[in-house]
C-alpha cells in the first residue's frame, strides 16, 4: 500500500460497504471474530489496485487504526 493515509475499504459481492479503516500501519495482520459455531469467514482475495475503485458513501463509518 503506497498511499497516505493507508486506508482499507470492504467490498462484499463487489459492493462497497459503508465502513472503512484509515491510518493503517505498513504491515497488517487480519483476523475475524465469529459469534457462533455456524458462522464462518473466507478471504477470497486481497488486491493492491493500480487505481482506486472506491466511491464516497454518505454517512460511511470511519474506523481509525490506533
PDB file of N, CA and C in Angstrom:
ATOM      1  N   UNK A   1       0.859  -1.163   0.000  1.00  0.00           N
ATOM      2  CA  UNK A   1       0.000   0.000   0.000  1.00  0.00           C
ATOM      3  C   UNK A   1       0.903   1.224   0.000  1.00  0.00           C
ATOM      4  N   UNK A   2       0.726   2.081  -0.978  1.00  0.00           N
ATOM      5  CA  UNK A   2       1.641   3.206  -1.119  1.00  0.00           C
ATOM      6  C   UNK A   2       0.949   4.566  -1.043  1.00  0.00           C
ATOM      7  N   UNK A   3      -0.196   4.636  -0.409  1.00  0.00           N
ATOM      8  CA  UNK A   3      -0.884   5.913  -0.241  1.00  0.00           C
ATOM      9  C   UNK A   3      -0.836   6.344   1.216  1.00  0.00           C
ATOM     10  N   UNK A   4      -1.022   7.618   1.449  1.00  0.00           N
ATOM     11  CA  UNK A   4      -1.064   8.131   2.809  1.00  0.00           C
ATOM     12  C   UNK A   4      -2.321   8.973   2.944  1.00  0.00           C
ATOM     13  N   UNK A   5      -3.156   8.772   3.917  1.00  0.00           N
ATOM     14  CA  UNK A   5      -3.062   7.694   4.895  1.00  0.00           C
ATOM     15  C   UNK A   5      -3.471   6.362   4.269  1.00  0.00           C
ATOM     16  N   UNK A   6      -2.915   5.300   4.801  1.00  0.00           N
ATOM     17  CA  UNK A   6      -3.273   3.962   4.317  1.00  0.00           C
ATOM     18  C   UNK A   6      -4.710   3.663   4.742  1.00  0.00           C
ATOM     19  N   UNK A   7      -5.529   3.296   3.779  1.00  0.00           N
ATOM     20  CA  UNK A   7      -6.956   3.082   4.026  1.00  0.00           C
ATOM     21  C   UNK A   7      -7.390   1.774   3.384  1.00  0.00           C
ATOM     22  N   UNK A   8      -8.252   1.031   4.077  1.00  0.00           N
ATOM     23  CA  UNK A   8      -8.809  -0.210   3.531  1.00  0.00           C
ATOM     24  C   UNK A   8     -10.327  -0.096   3.502  1.00  0.00           C
ATOM     25  N   UNK A   9     -10.900  -0.465   2.378  1.00  0.00           N
ATOM     26  CA  UNK A   9     -12.350  -0.456   2.200  1.00  0.00           C
ATOM     27  C   UNK A   9     -12.822  -1.890   2.031  1.00  0.00           C
ATOM     28  N   UNK A  10     -14.003  -2.177   2.522  1.00  0.00           N
ATOM     29  CA  UNK A  10     -14.563  -3.518   2.475  1.00  0.00           C
ATOM     30  C   UNK A  10     -15.582  -3.622   1.347  1.00  0.00           C
ATOM     31  N   UNK A  11     -15.421  -4.656   0.525  1.00  0.00           N
ATOM     32  CA  UNK A  11     -16.375  -4.962  -0.533  1.00  0.00           C
ATOM     33  C   UNK A  11     -16.918  -6.360  -0.287  1.00  0.00           C
ATOM     34  N   UNK A  12     -18.224  -6.524  -0.343  1.00  0.00           N
ATOM     35  CA  UNK A  12     -18.866  -7.829  -0.243  1.00  0.00           C
ATOM     36  C   UNK A  12     -19.682  -8.023  -1.511  1.00  0.00           C
ATOM     37  N   UNK A  13     -19.408  -9.119  -2.218  1.00  0.00           N
ATOM     38  CA  UNK A  13     -20.063  -9.382  -3.514  1.00  0.00           C
ATOM     39  C   UNK A  13     -19.930  -8.186  -4.452  1.00  0.00           C
ATOM     40  N   UNK A  14     -18.728  -7.609  -4.477  1.00  0.00           N
ATOM     41  CA  UNK A  14     -18.398  -6.462  -5.331  1.00  0.00           C
ATOM     42  C   UNK A  14     -19.170  -5.193  -4.999  1.00  0.00           C
ATOM     43  N   UNK A  15     -19.740  -5.116  -3.804  1.00  0.00           N
ATOM     44  CA  UNK A  15     -20.459  -3.913  -3.369  1.00  0.00           C
ATOM     45  C   UNK A  15     -19.688  -3.286  -2.213  1.00  0.00           C
ATOM     46  N   UNK A  16     -19.308  -2.022  -2.373  1.00  0.00           N
ATOM     47  CA  UNK A  16     -18.582  -1.317  -1.327  1.00  0.00           C
ATOM     48  C   UNK A  16     -19.474  -1.147  -0.106  1.00  0.00           C
ATOM     49  N   UNK A  17     -18.934  -1.465   1.065  1.00  0.00           N
ATOM     50  CA  UNK A  17     -19.683  -1.366   2.312  1.00  0.00           C
ATOM     51  C   UNK A  17     -19.443   0.005   2.952  1.00  0.00           C
ATOM     52  N   UNK A  18     -20.375   0.496   3.777  1.00  0.00           N
ATOM     53  CA  UNK A  18     -20.274   1.850   4.340  1.00  0.00           C
ATOM     54  C   UNK A  18     -19.390   1.930   5.581  1.00  0.00           C
ATOM     55  N   UNK A  19     -18.273   1.226   5.580  1.00  0.00           N
ATOM     56  CA  UNK A  19     -17.310   1.290   6.673  1.00  0.00           C
ATOM     57  C   UNK A  19     -15.915   1.127   6.078  1.00  0.00           C
ATOM     58  N   UNK A  20     -14.952   1.871   6.624  1.00  0.00           N
ATOM     59  CA  UNK A  20     -13.577   1.742   6.145  1.00  0.00           C
ATOM     60  C   UNK A  20     -12.616   1.992   7.298  1.00  0.00           C
ATOM     61  N   UNK A  21     -11.388   1.531   7.131  1.00  0.00           N
ATOM     62  CA  UNK A  21     -10.357   1.676   8.155  1.00  0.00           C
ATOM     63  C   UNK A  21      -9.288   2.609   7.610  1.00  0.00           C
ATOM     64  N   UNK A  22      -8.890   3.602   8.396  1.00  0.00           N
ATOM     65  CA  UNK A  22      -7.852   4.536   7.964  1.00  0.00           C
ATOM     66  C   UNK A  22      -6.690   4.523   8.948  1.00  0.00           C
ATOM     67  N   UNK A  23      -5.545   4.997   8.468  1.00  0.00           N
ATOM     68  CA  UNK A  23      -4.362   5.072   9.316  1.00  0.00           C
ATOM     69  C   UNK A  23      -3.687   3.731   9.531  1.00  0.00           C
ATOM     70  N   UNK A  24      -3.806   2.830   8.571  1.00  0.00           N
ATOM     71  CA  UNK A  24      -3.206   1.503   8.718  1.00  0.00           C
ATOM     72  C   UNK A  24      -1.683   1.589   8.737  1.00  0.00           C
ATOM     73  N   UNK A  25      -1.028   0.765   9.550  1.00  0.00           N
ATOM     74  CA  UNK A  25       0.430   0.716   9.527  1.00  0.00           C
ATOM     75  C   UNK A  25       0.904   0.034   8.243  1.00  0.00           C
ATOM     76  N   UNK A  26       2.210   0.055   8.011  1.00  0.00           N
ATOM     77  CA  UNK A  26       2.753  -0.514   6.777  1.00  0.00           C
ATOM     78  C   UNK A  26       2.457  -2.009   6.643  1.00  0.00           C
ATOM     79  N   UNK A  27       2.498  -2.735   7.763  1.00  0.00           N
ATOM     80  CA  UNK A  27       2.224  -4.169   7.742  1.00  0.00           C
ATOM     81  C   UNK A  27       1.019  -4.453   8.631  1.00  0.00           C
ATOM     82  N   UNK A  28       0.089  -5.252   8.137  1.00  0.00           N
ATOM     83  CA  UNK A  28      -1.146  -5.530   8.865  1.00  0.00           C
ATOM     84  C   UNK A  28      -1.430  -7.027   8.839  1.00  0.00           C
ATOM     85  N   UNK A  29      -1.834  -7.558   9.987  1.00  0.00           N
ATOM     86  CA  UNK A  29      -2.386  -8.906  10.052  1.00  0.00           C
ATOM     87  C   UNK A  29      -3.875  -8.735  10.286  1.00  0.00           C
ATOM     88  N   UNK A  30      -4.666  -9.642   9.800  1.00  0.00           N
ATOM     89  CA  UNK A  30      -6.106  -9.506   9.969  1.00  0.00           C
ATOM     90  C   UNK A  30      -6.674 -10.747  10.639  1.00  0.00           C
ATOM     91  N   UNK A  31      -7.826 -10.574  11.256  1.00  0.00           N
ATOM     92  CA  UNK A  31      -8.499 -11.687  11.922  1.00  0.00           C
ATOM     93  C   UNK A  31     -10.000 -11.458  11.848  1.00  0.00           C
ATOM     94  N   UNK A  32     -10.740 -12.509  12.149  1.00  0.00           N
ATOM     95  CA  UNK A  32     -12.193 -12.425  12.175  1.00  0.00           C
ATOM     96  C   UNK A  32     -12.669 -12.902  13.529  1.00  0.00           C
ATOM     97  N   UNK A  33     -13.706 -12.305  14.029  1.00  0.00           N
ATOM     98  CA  UNK A  33     -14.327 -12.750  15.272  1.00  0.00           C
ATOM     99  C   UNK A  33     -15.703 -13.298  14.926  1.00  0.00           C
ATOM    100  N   UNK A  34     -15.901 -14.570  15.246  1.00  0.00           N
ATOM    101  CA  UNK A  34     -17.171 -15.224  14.961  1.00  0.00           C
ATOM    102  C   UNK A  34     -17.919 -15.420  16.266  1.00  0.00           C
ATOM    103  N   UNK A  35     -19.219 -15.261  16.227  1.00  0.00           N
ATOM    104  CA  UNK A  35     -20.021 -15.296  17.445  1.00  0.00           C
ATOM    105  C   UNK A  35     -20.706 -16.635  17.691  1.00  0.00           C
ATOM    106  N   UNK A  36     -20.878 -17.435  16.668  1.00  0.00           N
ATOM    107  CA  UNK A  36     -21.484 -18.754  16.854  1.00  0.00           C
ATOM    108  C   UNK A  36     -20.681 -19.788  16.081  1.00  0.00           C
ATOM    109  N   UNK A  37     -20.899 -21.047  16.376  1.00  0.00           N
ATOM    110  CA  UNK A  37     -20.155 -22.114  15.714  1.00  0.00           C
ATOM    111  C   UNK A  37     -20.538 -22.274  14.248  1.00  0.00           C
ATOM    112  N   UNK A  38     -21.690 -21.781  13.855  1.00  0.00           N
ATOM    113  CA  UNK A  38     -22.106 -21.959  12.467  1.00  0.00           C
ATOM    114  C   UNK A  38     -21.673 -20.805  11.557  1.00  0.00           C
ATOM    115  N   UNK A  39     -21.032 -19.784  12.102  1.00  0.00           N
ATOM    116  CA  UNK A  39     -20.555 -18.671  11.295  1.00  0.00           C
ATOM    117  C   UNK A  39     -19.169 -18.991  10.750  1.00  0.00           C
ATOM    118  N   UNK A  40     -18.853 -18.397   9.597  1.00  0.00           N
ATOM    119  CA  UNK A  40     -17.523 -18.559   9.030  1.00  0.00           C
ATOM    120  C   UNK A  40     -17.179 -17.330   8.201  1.00  0.00           C
ATOM    121  N   UNK A  41     -15.912 -17.169   7.928  1.00  0.00           N
ATOM    122  CA  UNK A  41     -15.437 -16.074   7.087  1.00  0.00           C
ATOM    123  C   UNK A  41     -14.338 -16.616   6.187  1.00  0.00           C
ATOM    124  N   UNK A  42     -14.320 -16.146   4.956  1.00  0.00           N
ATOM    125  CA  UNK A  42     -13.317 -16.575   3.998  1.00  0.00           C
ATOM    126  C   UNK A  42     -12.790 -15.348   3.272  1.00  0.00           C
ATOM    127  N   UNK A  43     -11.479 -15.199   3.227  1.00  0.00           N
ATOM    128  CA  UNK A  43     -10.870 -14.137   2.434  1.00  0.00           C
ATOM    129  C   UNK A  43     -10.665 -14.709   1.039  1.00  0.00           C
ATOM    130  N   UNK A  44     -11.369 -14.161   0.072  1.00  0.00           N
ATOM    131  CA  UNK A  44     -11.252 -14.647  -1.297  1.00  0.00           C
ATOM    132  C   UNK A  44     -10.117 -13.969  -2.037  1.00  0.00           C
ATOM    133  N   UNK A  45      -9.861 -12.711  -1.704  1.00  0.00           N
ATOM    134  CA  UNK A  45      -8.753 -12.025  -2.356  1.00  0.00           C
ATOM    135  C   UNK A  45      -8.399 -10.755  -1.595  1.00  0.00           C
ATOM    136  N   UNK A  46      -7.148 -10.406  -1.685  1.00  0.00           N
ATOM    137  CA  UNK A  46      -6.642  -9.115  -1.234  1.00  0.00           C
ATOM    138  C   UNK A  46      -5.929  -8.526  -2.438  1.00  0.00           C
ATOM    139  N   UNK A  47      -6.280  -7.316  -2.800  1.00  0.00           N
ATOM    140  CA  UNK A  47      -5.741  -6.749  -4.023  1.00  0.00           C
ATOM    141  C   UNK A  47      -5.122  -5.385  -3.766  1.00  0.00           C
ATOM    142  N   UNK A  48      -4.010  -5.156  -4.410  1.00  0.00           N
ATOM    143  CA  UNK A  48      -3.422  -3.821  -4.464  1.00  0.00           C
ATOM    144  C   UNK A  48      -3.709  -3.314  -5.876  1.00  0.00           C
ATOM    145  N   UNK A  49      -4.611  -2.379  -5.994  1.00  0.00           N
ATOM    146  CA  UNK A  49      -5.057  -1.906  -7.301  1.00  0.00           C
ATOM    147  C   UNK A  49      -4.196  -0.752  -7.781  1.00  0.00           C
ATOM    148  N   UNK A  50      -4.052  -0.642  -9.083  1.00  0.00           N
ATOM    149  CA  UNK A  50      -3.257   0.451  -9.647  1.00  0.00           C
ATOM    150  C   UNK A  50      -4.004   1.780  -9.584  1.00  0.00           C
ATOM    151  N   UNK A  51      -5.330   1.713  -9.496  1.00  0.00           N
ATOM    152  CA  UNK A  51      -6.150   2.924  -9.384  1.00  0.00           C
ATOM    153  C   UNK A  51      -7.285   2.651  -8.402  1.00  0.00           C
ATOM    154  N   UNK A  52      -7.679   3.644  -7.614  1.00  0.00           N
ATOM    155  CA  UNK A  52      -8.757   3.435  -6.644  1.00  0.00           C
ATOM    156  C   UNK A  52     -10.092   3.135  -7.325  1.00  0.00           C
ATOM    157  N   UNK A  53     -10.900   2.314  -6.664  1.00  0.00           N
ATOM    158  CA  UNK A  53     -12.241   1.999  -7.171  1.00  0.00           C
ATOM    159  C   UNK A  53     -13.326   2.386  -6.172  1.00  0.00           C
ATOM    160  N   UNK A  54     -12.937   2.967  -5.052  1.00  0.00           N
ATOM    161  CA  UNK A  54     -13.913   3.319  -4.022  1.00  0.00           C
ATOM    162  C   UNK A  54     -14.656   4.593  -4.411  1.00  0.00           C
ATOM    163  N   UNK A  55     -15.842   4.734  -3.860  1.00  0.00           N
ATOM    164  CA  UNK A  55     -16.633   5.947  -4.044  1.00  0.00           C
ATOM    165  C   UNK A  55     -17.004   6.475  -2.665  1.00  0.00           C
ATOM    166  N   UNK A  56     -17.346   7.735  -2.597  1.00  0.00           N
ATOM    167  CA  UNK A  56     -17.802   8.299  -1.330  1.00  0.00           C
ATOM    168  C   UNK A  56     -19.205   7.785  -1.043  1.00  0.00           C
ATOM    169  N   UNK A  57     -19.386   7.251   0.155  1.00  0.00           N
ATOM    170  CA  UNK A  57     -20.696   6.772   0.580  1.00  0.00           C
ATOM    171  C   UNK A  57     -21.173   7.685   1.698  1.00  0.00           C
ATOM    172  N   UNK A  58     -22.356   8.242   1.523  1.00  0.00           N
ATOM    173  CA  UNK A  58     -22.910   9.136   2.536  1.00  0.00           C
ATOM    174  C   UNK A  58     -23.032   8.395   3.864  1.00  0.00           C
ATOM    175  N   UNK A  59     -22.609   9.037   4.939  1.00  0.00           N
ATOM    176  CA  UNK A  59     -22.669   8.500   6.303  1.00  0.00           C
ATOM    177  C   UNK A  59     -21.815   7.250   6.507  1.00  0.00           C
ATOM    178  N   UNK A  60     -20.780   7.063   5.692  1.00  0.00           N
ATOM    179  CA  UNK A  60     -19.874   5.928   5.892  1.00  0.00           C
ATOM    180  C   UNK A  60     -19.162   6.085   7.232  1.00  0.00           C
ATOM    181  N   UNK A  61     -18.909   4.987   7.890  1.00  0.00           N
ATOM    182  CA  UNK A  61     -18.248   4.991   9.196  1.00  0.00           C
ATOM    183  C   UNK A  61     -16.755   4.775   9.025  1.00  0.00           C
ATOM    184  N   UNK A  62     -15.968   5.663   9.623  1.00  0.00           N
ATOM    185  CA  UNK A  62     -14.519   5.541   9.604  1.00  0.00           C
ATOM    186  C   UNK A  62     -14.062   4.910  10.912  1.00  0.00           C
ATOM    187  N   UNK A  63     -13.214   3.907  10.800  1.00  0.00           N
ATOM    188  CA  UNK A  63     -12.582   3.297  11.966  1.00  0.00           C
ATOM    189  C   UNK A  63     -11.108   3.654  11.877  1.00  0.00           C
ATOM    190  N   UNK A  64     -10.586   4.365  12.883  1.00  0.00           N
ATOM    191  CA  UNK A  64      -9.183   4.780  12.868  1.00  0.00           C
ATOM    192  C   UNK A  64      -8.320   3.740  13.565  1.00  0.00           C
ATOM    193  N   UNK A  65      -7.258   3.356  12.900  1.00  0.00           N
ATOM    194  CA  UNK A  65      -6.287   2.424  13.463  1.00  0.00           C
ATOM    195  C   UNK A  65      -5.438   3.190  14.464  1.00  0.00           C
ATOM    196  N   UNK A  66      -5.360   2.689  15.671  1.00  0.00           N
ATOM    197  CA  UNK A  66      -4.530   3.360  16.689  1.00  0.00           C
ATOM    198  C   UNK A  66      -3.343   2.522  17.052  1.00  0.00           C
TER     199      UNK A  66
END
